[in-house]
Amino acid sequence: MLTSIGLPAAQAETIRAFARAVRDGQIRFVGNVQAEDFMKGLCEIPGIGKWTAQYVAMRALGEPDALPTGDLGLVRSPGVGECAGVG
């Protein structure tokens, strides 16, 4: 179904794997969710890397320390890279 709307097969499978992980309780968004464990669990899903895991943790968990430090746009932004300890 996802490929029928133009999503590449690999990305469609990543979305399905993510949905299964949420359904099966491997990935949780509520309760006592530790950001590091959350990001580690996301990275175990094929197709999800560190940047995506950090971004999801930042947005979904409101985790201020989950800044996607590998984001070139952020690293190259004046003052941002230095604040995040990168660049």
Protein backbone atom coordinates (compact mmCIF):
# COMPACT_ATOMS: atom_id res chain seq x y z
CA MET A 1 0.00 0.00 0.00
CA LEU A 2 2.75 2.48 0.88
CA THR A 3 4.59 1.78 -2.34
CA SER A 4 1.40 2.49 -4.26
CA ILE A 5 1.65 6.13 -3.17
CA GLY A 6 5.23 6.37 -4.41
CA LEU A 7 7.21 5.50 -1.29
CA PRO A 8 10.32 3.44 -2.06
CA ALA A 9 10.04 -0.18 -0.91
CA ALA A 10 12.86 0.17 1.65
CA GLN A 11 11.19 3.16 3.30
CA ALA A 12 7.84 1.41 3.29
CA GLU A 13 9.39 -1.56 5.08
CA THR A 14 10.98 0.75 7.66
CA ILE A 15 7.58 2.28 8.39
CA ARG A 16 6.01 -1.17 8.70
CA ALA A 17 8.83 -2.34 11.02
CA PHE A 18 8.40 0.80 13.13
CA ALA A 19 4.63 0.23 13.35
CA ARG A 20 5.20 -3.39 14.40
CA ALA A 21 7.67 -2.30 17.09
CA VAL A 22 5.13 0.18 18.48
CA ARG A 23 2.34 -2.40 18.29
CA ASP A 24 4.46 -5.02 20.07
CA GLY A 25 5.52 -2.61 22.82
CA GLN A 26 9.19 -2.49 21.80
CA ILE A 27 8.87 1.25 21.22
CA ARG A 28 6.80 3.26 23.70
CA PHE A 29 5.89 6.92 23.72
CA VAL A 30 4.17 7.12 27.11
CA GLY A 31 5.07 6.29 30.67
CA ASN A 32 8.59 6.27 32.03
CA VAL A 33 10.45 6.39 28.73
CA GLN A 34 14.22 6.91 28.92
CA ALA A 35 15.49 8.80 25.88
CA GLU A 36 18.64 6.68 25.48
CA ASP A 37 16.67 3.42 25.54
CA PHE A 38 14.09 4.90 23.19
CA MET A 39 16.74 5.97 20.67
CA LYS A 40 18.56 2.62 20.96
CA GLY A 41 15.29 0.79 20.24
CA LEU A 42 14.63 2.97 17.21
CA CYS A 43 18.13 2.35 15.84
CA GLU A 44 17.49 -1.40 16.00
CA ILE A 45 14.86 -0.99 13.30
CA PRO A 46 16.42 -1.38 9.84
CA GLY A 47 16.35 1.95 8.04
CA ILE A 48 16.34 4.11 11.18
CA GLY A 49 19.65 5.68 12.09
CA LYS A 50 20.99 7.91 14.81
CA TRP A 51 19.77 11.18 13.27
CA THR A 52 16.20 9.91 12.90
CA ALA A 53 16.20 8.44 16.41
CA GLN A 54 17.46 11.72 17.89
CA TYR A 55 14.90 13.73 15.94
CA VAL A 56 11.99 11.49 16.98
CA ALA A 57 13.12 11.57 20.63
CA MET A 58 13.40 15.35 20.50
CA ARG A 59 9.93 15.78 18.97
CA ALA A 60 7.94 12.89 20.45
CA LEU A 61 9.46 12.82 23.94
CA GLY A 62 10.31 16.50 24.21
CA GLU A 63 13.88 15.42 24.98
CA PRO A 64 16.08 18.54 24.86
CA ASP A 65 19.32 16.52 24.82
CA ALA A 66 18.32 14.56 21.72
CA LEU A 67 19.42 17.27 19.30
CA PRO A 68 20.32 15.59 16.00
CA THR A 69 23.98 16.61 16.16
CA GLY A 70 24.76 15.11 12.76
CA ASP A 71 22.31 17.43 11.00
CA LEU A 72 24.50 19.46 8.64
CA GLY A 73 21.99 22.31 8.60
CA LEU A 74 22.30 22.63 12.36
CA VAL A 75 26.06 22.14 12.40
CA ARG A 76 26.55 24.85 9.78
CA SER A 77 24.14 27.31 11.41
CA PRO A 78 26.04 30.17 13.07
CA GLY A 79 26.36 29.50 16.78
CA VAL A 80 24.31 26.31 16.84
CA GLY A 81 27.13 23.82 16.29
CA GLU A 82 29.22 25.36 19.04
CA CYS A 83 26.32 25.20 21.50
CA ALA A 84 25.72 21.53 20.75
CA GLY A 85 29.41 20.71 21.11
CA VAL A 86 29.81 19.84 17.45
CA GLY A 87 31.31 21.48 14.42
